[in-house]
Protein backbone atom coordinates (compact mmCIF):
# COMPACT_ATOMS: atom_id res chain seq x y z
CA MET A 1 44.36 26.25 14.16
CA MET A 2 43.29 24.41 17.18
CA THR A 3 40.55 27.09 17.80
CA LEU A 4 39.23 26.54 14.19
CA ILE A 5 39.06 22.75 14.72
CA LYS A 6 37.19 23.18 17.98
CA LYS A 7 34.72 25.57 16.16
CA LEU A 8 34.15 23.09 13.36
CA SER A 9 33.65 20.29 15.90
CA LEU A 10 31.18 22.20 17.76
CA ILE A 11 29.32 22.98 14.32
CA LEU A 12 29.28 19.25 13.48
CA ILE A 13 28.07 18.29 16.92
CA PHE A 14 24.98 20.49 16.20
CA ILE A 15 24.45 19.67 12.45
CA VAL A 16 24.79 15.78 12.65
CA PRO A 17 21.96 15.32 15.02
CA LEU A 18 19.84 17.78 13.13
CA LEU A 19 20.39 15.62 9.99
CA VAL A 20 19.66 12.39 11.76
CA SER A 21 16.47 13.94 13.33
CA THR A 22 15.26 15.04 9.99
CA LYS A 23 15.41 11.56 8.57
CA SER A 24 14.19 10.02 11.58
CA ASN A 25 11.07 12.39 11.54
CA ALA A 26 10.27 11.51 7.92
CA GLN A 27 10.54 7.90 8.65
CA GLU A 28 8.07 8.18 11.50
CA ASN A 29 5.33 9.59 9.14
CA TYR A 30 4.77 7.62 5.88
CA LEU A 31 1.96 10.12 4.91
CA ILE A 32 5.10 12.08 3.74
CA TYR A 33 6.43 9.13 1.79
CA HIS A 34 2.95 8.77 0.00
CA SER A 35 2.64 12.45 -0.71
CA LYS A 36 6.05 12.18 -2.47
CA VAL A 37 4.84 9.12 -4.40
CA ILE A 38 1.84 11.36 -5.55
CA GLU A 39 4.41 13.98 -6.66
CA CYS A 40 6.22 11.35 -8.70
CA GLU A 41 3.03 10.32 -10.28
CA LYS A 42 2.12 13.83 -11.26
CA LEU A 43 5.50 14.06 -13.13
CA ILE A 44 4.79 10.77 -14.85
CA VAL A 45 1.46 12.30 -16.01
CA GLU A 46 3.28 15.28 -17.35
CA GLY A 47 5.67 12.97 -19.25
CA LYS A 48 8.65 13.87 -17.03
CA TYR A 49 9.78 10.38 -16.63
CA THR A 50 13.51 11.18 -16.04
CA SER A 51 12.51 13.71 -13.18
CA ALA A 52 10.18 11.08 -11.72
CA VAL A 53 12.93 8.52 -11.62
CA LYS A 54 15.21 11.04 -9.85
CA MET A 55 12.42 11.82 -7.32
CA TYR A 56 11.72 8.06 -6.62
CA ASP A 57 15.49 7.74 -6.03
CA SER A 58 15.60 10.67 -3.60
CA LEU A 59 12.41 9.36 -1.81
CA PHE A 60 13.90 5.75 -1.52
CA ASN A 61 17.00 7.08 0.28
CA GLN A 62 14.93 8.70 2.82
CA PHE A 63 12.94 5.85 4.22
CA ASP A 64 14.07 2.31 5.69
CA PHE A 65 10.91 0.39 4.50
CA LEU A 66 9.89 0.82 0.85
CA PHE A 67 6.57 -0.46 -0.73
CA LEU A 68 7.43 -2.86 -3.55
CA ARG A 69 4.75 -1.34 -5.77
CA ASP A 70 6.69 1.96 -5.84
CA ILE A 71 9.95 0.35 -6.51
CA LYS A 72 8.50 -1.53 -9.36
CA VAL A 73 7.10 1.63 -10.96
CA ALA A 74 10.44 3.43 -10.69
CA ALA A 75 12.28 0.34 -12.22
CA GLU A 76 9.76 0.28 -15.15
CA LEU A 77 10.27 4.13 -15.68
CA SER A 78 14.09 3.43 -15.67
CA ALA A 79 13.73 0.79 -18.28
CA TYR A 80 11.43 2.84 -20.34
CA GLU A 81 14.18 5.67 -20.35
CA LYS A 82 16.82 2.98 -20.88
CA ASP A 83 18.54 4.22 -17.66
CA CYS A 84 20.53 1.20 -16.70
CA ASN A 85 22.22 2.57 -13.58
CA SER A 86 18.76 3.83 -11.90
CA GLY A 87 17.01 0.66 -13.18
CA LEU A 88 19.49 -1.87 -11.73
CA LYS A 89 19.63 0.12 -8.39
CA PHE A 90 15.84 -0.18 -8.20
CA LEU A 91 16.13 -3.77 -9.01
CA ARG A 92 18.25 -4.48 -6.20
CA LEU A 93 15.99 -2.59 -3.90
CA GLY A 94 13.00 -4.45 -5.14
CA ILE A 95 14.65 -7.76 -4.54
CA LYS A 96 15.42 -6.78 -0.97
CA ALA A 97 11.62 -5.64 -0.74
CA GLY A 98 10.34 -9.04 -1.81
CA TRP A 99 10.38 -8.84 -5.68
CA THR A 100 10.68 -12.39 -6.83
CA PHE A 101 12.76 -13.87 -9.56
CA LYS A 102 9.72 -15.23 -11.28
CA SER A 103 7.80 -11.84 -11.32
CA ILE A 104 11.13 -9.99 -12.48
CA ASN A 105 11.70 -12.58 -15.25
CA LYS A 106 8.18 -12.36 -16.38
CA SER A 107 8.04 -8.61 -16.84
CA LYS A 108 8.46 -7.59 -20.48
CA ASN A 109 8.77 -3.93 -19.54
CA LEU A 110 12.23 -4.54 -17.99
CA GLN A 111 13.64 -5.65 -21.25
CA SER A 112 16.01 -2.93 -21.73
CA LEU A 113 17.47 -3.52 -18.25
CA LYS A 114 17.94 -7.09 -19.16
CA GLU A 115 20.31 -5.80 -21.87
CA CYS A 116 22.41 -4.05 -19.29
CA SER A 117 25.78 -5.46 -18.39
CA GLU A 118 25.12 -5.91 -14.73
CA TRP A 119 21.63 -7.72 -15.15
CA ALA A 120 23.04 -11.13 -15.11
CA LYS A 121 25.30 -10.48 -12.09
CA ILE A 122 22.32 -9.39 -10.11
CA ILE A 123 20.06 -12.07 -11.10
CA VAL A 124 22.69 -14.92 -10.89
CA SER A 125 25.15 -13.81 -8.33
CA GLU A 126 23.34 -11.43 -5.95
CA TYR A 127 19.66 -12.45 -5.97
CA ASP A 128 19.88 -15.10 -3.19
CA SER A 129 21.67 -12.71 -0.78
CA LEU A 130 19.32 -9.91 -1.54
CA HIS A 131 16.39 -12.05 -1.09
CA LYS A 132 17.69 -13.24 2.33
CA ILE A 133 17.78 -9.57 3.50
CA TYR A 134 13.99 -9.50 2.64
CA LEU A 135 13.26 -12.59 4.48
CA SER A 136 15.30 -11.54 7.46
CA LYS A 137 12.98 -8.62 7.98
CA LEU A 138 9.77 -10.69 8.33
CA ASN A 139 7.95 -12.02 11.39
CA PHE A 140 7.25 -15.71 10.11
CA VAL A 141 5.45 -16.71 13.39
CA LEU A 142 3.04 -13.76 13.04
CA LYS A 143 2.72 -14.48 9.36
CA GLU A 144 1.48 -17.96 9.96
CA GLN A 145 -0.85 -16.77 12.61
CA VAL A 146 -2.47 -14.16 10.38
CA HIS A 147 -2.66 -16.55 7.51
CA GLU A 148 -4.64 -18.95 9.72
CA MET A 149 -7.03 -16.12 10.72
CA PHE A 150 -7.45 -15.28 6.94
CA LYS A 151 -8.18 -18.95 5.93
CA ASN A 152 -10.80 -19.21 8.79
CA ASP A 153 -12.28 -15.99 7.72
CA GLN A 154 -12.62 -17.30 4.13
CA LYS A 155 -14.35 -20.56 5.34
CA MET A 156 -16.81 -18.48 7.38
CA ALA A 157 -17.40 -16.06 4.46
CA LEU A 158 -18.16 -18.98 2.28
CA GLY A 159 -21.21 -19.78 4.39
CA ALA A 160 -22.85 -16.50 3.52
CA PHE A 161 -21.88 -16.91 -0.22
CA ILE A 162 -23.75 -20.21 -0.57
CA ARG A 163 -26.84 -18.93 1.23
CA ILE A 164 -29.66 -18.44 -1.11
CA GLY A 165 -31.48 -15.05 -0.84
CA GLN A 166 -30.56 -11.84 0.80
CA LYS A 167 -32.53 -12.53 4.02
CA SER A 168 -30.87 -15.88 4.49
CA LYS A 169 -27.29 -14.32 3.93
CA ARG A 170 -28.04 -11.55 6.29
CA ARG A 171 -29.23 -13.97 9.08
CA TYR A 172 -26.11 -16.08 8.57
CA SER A 173 -23.89 -13.05 8.69
CA GLU A 174 -25.40 -11.70 11.80
CA ARG A 175 -25.84 -14.81 13.74
CA LYS A 176 -22.76 -16.95 12.64
CA PHE A 177 -20.20 -14.69 10.92
CA ALA A 178 -20.47 -11.68 13.24
CA PRO A 179 -19.33 -13.61 16.39
CA HIS A 180 -16.51 -15.01 14.53
CA SER A 181 -15.46 -11.59 13.14
CA GLU A 182 -15.73 -10.05 16.62
CA HIS A 183 -13.19 -12.74 17.89
CA GLN A 184 -11.00 -11.89 14.81
CA LEU A 185 -10.95 -8.24 15.39
CA GLU A 186 -10.00 -8.89 19.02
CA LYS A 187 -6.88 -10.82 17.92
CA LEU A 188 -6.09 -8.20 15.29
CA GLU A 189 -6.20 -5.55 18.11
CA GLN A 190 -3.93 -7.71 20.19
CA ILE A 191 -1.50 -8.05 17.16
CA LEU A 192 -1.59 -4.30 16.61
CA ASN A 193 -0.87 -3.58 20.12
CA GLU A 194 2.11 -5.99 20.33
CA TYR A 195 3.58 -5.86 16.73
CA GLY A 196 1.88 -3.34 14.67
CA TYR A 197 -0.38 -3.90 11.64
CA PRO A 198 0.51 -7.24 9.98
CA GLY A 199 0.83 -6.12 6.31
CA GLU A 200 3.74 -5.80 3.76
CA GLN A 201 6.34 -4.51 6.15
CA LEU A 202 5.86 -7.03 8.99
CA ILE A 203 4.75 -10.29 7.25
CA GLY A 204 5.24 -9.62 3.63
CA ASN A 205 1.40 -9.82 2.76
CA ASN A 206 -0.87 -6.84 2.29
CA LEU A 207 -4.05 -8.85 1.77
CA TRP A 208 -5.00 -11.19 4.64
CA ALA A 209 -5.55 -8.59 7.58
CA SER A 210 -7.36 -6.22 5.30
CA VAL A 211 -9.71 -8.94 3.95
CA ILE A 212 -10.68 -9.79 7.54
CA LEU A 213 -11.42 -6.09 8.27
CA CYS A 214 -13.35 -5.80 4.98
CA HIS A 215 -15.52 -8.73 5.85
CA HIS A 216 -16.17 -7.39 9.24
CA ASN A 217 -17.30 -3.88 7.86
CA SER A 218 -19.70 -5.72 5.34
CA ILE A 219 -21.62 -7.98 7.72
CA SER A 220 -24.95 -6.08 7.35
CA LEU A 221 -26.23 -2.46 7.47
CA ASP A 222 -27.93 -3.12 10.86
CA TYR A 223 -24.86 -4.81 12.36
CA ASN A 224 -22.37 -2.31 11.10
CA SER A 225 -24.48 0.66 12.12
CA LYS A 226 -24.07 -0.35 15.67
CA ASP A 227 -20.61 -1.86 15.47
CA THR A 228 -17.96 -0.29 17.64
CA LEU A 229 -14.91 -2.63 17.22
CA TYR A 230 -13.88 -1.15 13.91
CA LYS A 231 -14.47 2.36 15.30
CA LYS A 232 -12.09 1.40 18.16
CA LEU A 233 -9.50 0.04 15.85
CA ARG A 234 -9.48 2.77 13.28
CA PRO A 235 -7.19 5.26 15.30
CA LYS A 236 -4.48 2.33 15.48
CA LEU A 237 -4.94 1.63 11.80
CA MET A 238 -4.17 5.37 11.09
CA LYS A 239 -1.10 5.15 13.28
CA ALA A 240 -0.08 2.02 11.44
CA LEU A 241 -0.50 3.96 8.14
CA LYS A 242 1.78 6.63 9.49
CA ARG A 243 4.36 3.98 10.48
CA GLY A 244 4.25 2.36 7.08
CA GLU A 245 2.81 -0.95 8.23
CA LEU A 246 -0.39 -0.28 6.42
CA SER A 247 -0.85 0.98 2.79
CA PRO A 248 -3.33 3.55 1.68
CA TYR A 249 -4.82 1.06 -0.70
CA GLU A 250 -5.63 -1.44 2.11
CA LEU A 251 -7.14 1.29 4.29
CA ALA A 252 -9.16 2.60 1.39
CA GLN A 253 -10.81 -0.68 0.72
CA ILE A 254 -11.47 -1.24 4.41
CA GLU A 255 -13.07 2.12 4.76
CA ASP A 256 -15.04 1.84 1.50
CA TRP A 257 -16.55 -1.50 2.67
CA LYS A 258 -17.84 0.34 5.82
CA THR A 259 -19.36 3.25 3.75
CA ALA A 260 -20.73 1.02 1.11
CA GLY A 261 -22.36 -1.31 3.58
CA LEU A 262 -23.91 1.54 5.46
CA SER A 263 -25.37 3.15 2.29
CA GLY A 264 -26.53 0.24 0.42
CA HIS A 265 -23.49 0.62 -1.95
CA GLU A 266 -24.92 3.93 -2.85
CA LEU A 267 -21.79 5.95 -1.57
CA SER A 268 -18.07 5.50 -1.54
CA ALA A 269 -15.48 6.63 0.88
CA CYS A 270 -12.49 6.35 -1.41
CA GLY A 271 -13.74 5.38 -4.79
CA PHE A 272 -12.97 1.60 -4.61
CA ILE A 273 -16.39 0.33 -3.88
CA GLY A 274 -19.83 1.85 -4.28
CA LYS A 275 -20.72 4.85 -6.53
CA ILE A 276 -19.40 8.40 -6.75
CA PRO A 277 -22.85 10.02 -7.70
CA ASN A 278 -21.83 13.65 -8.20
CA ALA A 279 -19.12 16.26 -8.25
CA THR A 280 -19.91 16.96 -4.64
CA GLU A 281 -19.26 13.43 -3.52
CA LEU A 282 -16.21 13.31 -5.72
CA LYS A 283 -14.75 16.16 -3.67
CA THR A 284 -15.43 14.26 -0.43
CA VAL A 285 -14.02 11.09 -1.84
CA ASN A 286 -10.73 13.04 -2.94
CA GLU A 287 -10.51 14.53 0.55
CA ASN A 288 -10.83 11.09 2.16
CA ARG A 289 -8.04 9.75 -0.24
CA LEU A 290 -5.77 12.72 0.59
CA GLU A 291 -6.22 12.14 4.36
CA ILE A 292 -4.73 8.61 3.97
CA GLY A 293 -2.16 9.37 1.35
CA LEU A 294 -3.81 8.20 -1.77
CA ARG A 295 -3.84 9.98 -5.12
CA SER A 296 -7.03 11.73 -6.39
CA ILE A 297 -9.48 10.04 -8.64
CA GLU A 298 -8.39 12.44 -11.52
CA LEU A 299 -4.78 11.53 -11.11
CA ARG A 300 -5.51 7.68 -11.01
CA ASN A 301 -7.55 8.23 -14.35
CA ASN A 302 -4.63 10.25 -15.90
CA LEU A 303 -2.28 7.44 -14.86
CA ILE A 304 -4.52 4.88 -16.72
CA ASP A 305 -4.17 7.05 -19.87
CA ILE A 306 -0.38 6.89 -19.45
CA GLU A 307 -0.48 3.16 -19.09
CA LYS A 308 -2.48 2.79 -22.29
CA SER A 309 -0.23 5.13 -24.39
CA THR A 310 3.16 3.81 -23.14
CA GLY A 311 2.50 0.26 -22.25
CA LEU A 312 3.97 0.94 -18.57
CA ASN A 313 2.39 -0.97 -15.71
CA LEU A 314 1.93 1.67 -12.94
CA TYR A 315 0.65 -0.99 -10.58
CA LEU A 316 -2.49 0.76 -9.96
CA PRO A 317 -5.04 -1.38 -7.81
CA LYS A 318 -7.13 -3.86 -9.76
CA GLY A 319 -10.19 -5.79 -8.59
CA TRP A 320 -13.19 -3.89 -7.44
CA GLN A 321 -12.43 -0.79 -9.48
CA ASP A 322 -10.62 -1.63 -12.84
CA GLY A 323 -10.02 0.98 -15.39
CA LYS A 324 -11.05 4.60 -14.87
CA ILE A 325 -13.29 5.75 -11.92
CA THR A 326 -16.14 7.69 -13.17
CA VAL A 327 -18.48 10.21 -11.48
CA ALA A 328 -22.24 8.93 -12.15
CA ASN A 329 -23.69 12.09 -13.56
CA LYS A 330 -20.61 12.95 -15.91
């Protein structure tokens, strides 16, 4: 009997580290996370909503940090399927990831979950404690620093906006905005080196830093063709992407501004800004999207069809590229 116990103990010694290592390796590379999200989205397009809910649930158990956008989609699918257990589980995860009471209460697509017995318990009794978990993970000093950088960037960008004529705008951008932007990127590099990328995971905001980088990549064709600062930062952004600090949506827009600016808005890196002129360019765009963990253009368009047919909100990026993304010669 003792011999058997010893053998089992030895087996556990080898198995447990292996299990821990597997989860740790997955957490280190969020490209795996995003690839799983894409698999969930393919199931949604196929109308396999229950399977998608199960896959989201499995995915969320594998990573410590979860993007709120994905939790919201999982919760909406659960509500659509009238799956109280899964929906309320995702609701709790969402609040711990920053989903606010106002946003939850405003969502009409969660109506079936609101009729579940535990809904009131979560919203009334548990919300504050769950929200505190979210707040405890944020770096508020860093958040304030990046917010100030964003506000300063907006003020400087306004200077280009109010100039009349392209020559005047370009002159302002190169002479006034460029030195300011260079200083901003130096600060961002320091932040990246010390804390990581200041996005949703670190400061609860996935806009401020990406806007600063987009502005830098759109100063002027002449400036950006010679710029080395963004080129220097890009490998660090890719590492931040793999750590889950930077989302594919942010990086796609940052990259698109670079490509659009260098091509006179004739080309697009990821389909957010600029044009996709032909099938050959579409292939390149999809390859660029795949590299950073973003769904293909075709899958995005199919998800928009699902939104229209079901009323679901799949939280696809809005703004520069609303609706379907088309190829120019199609």
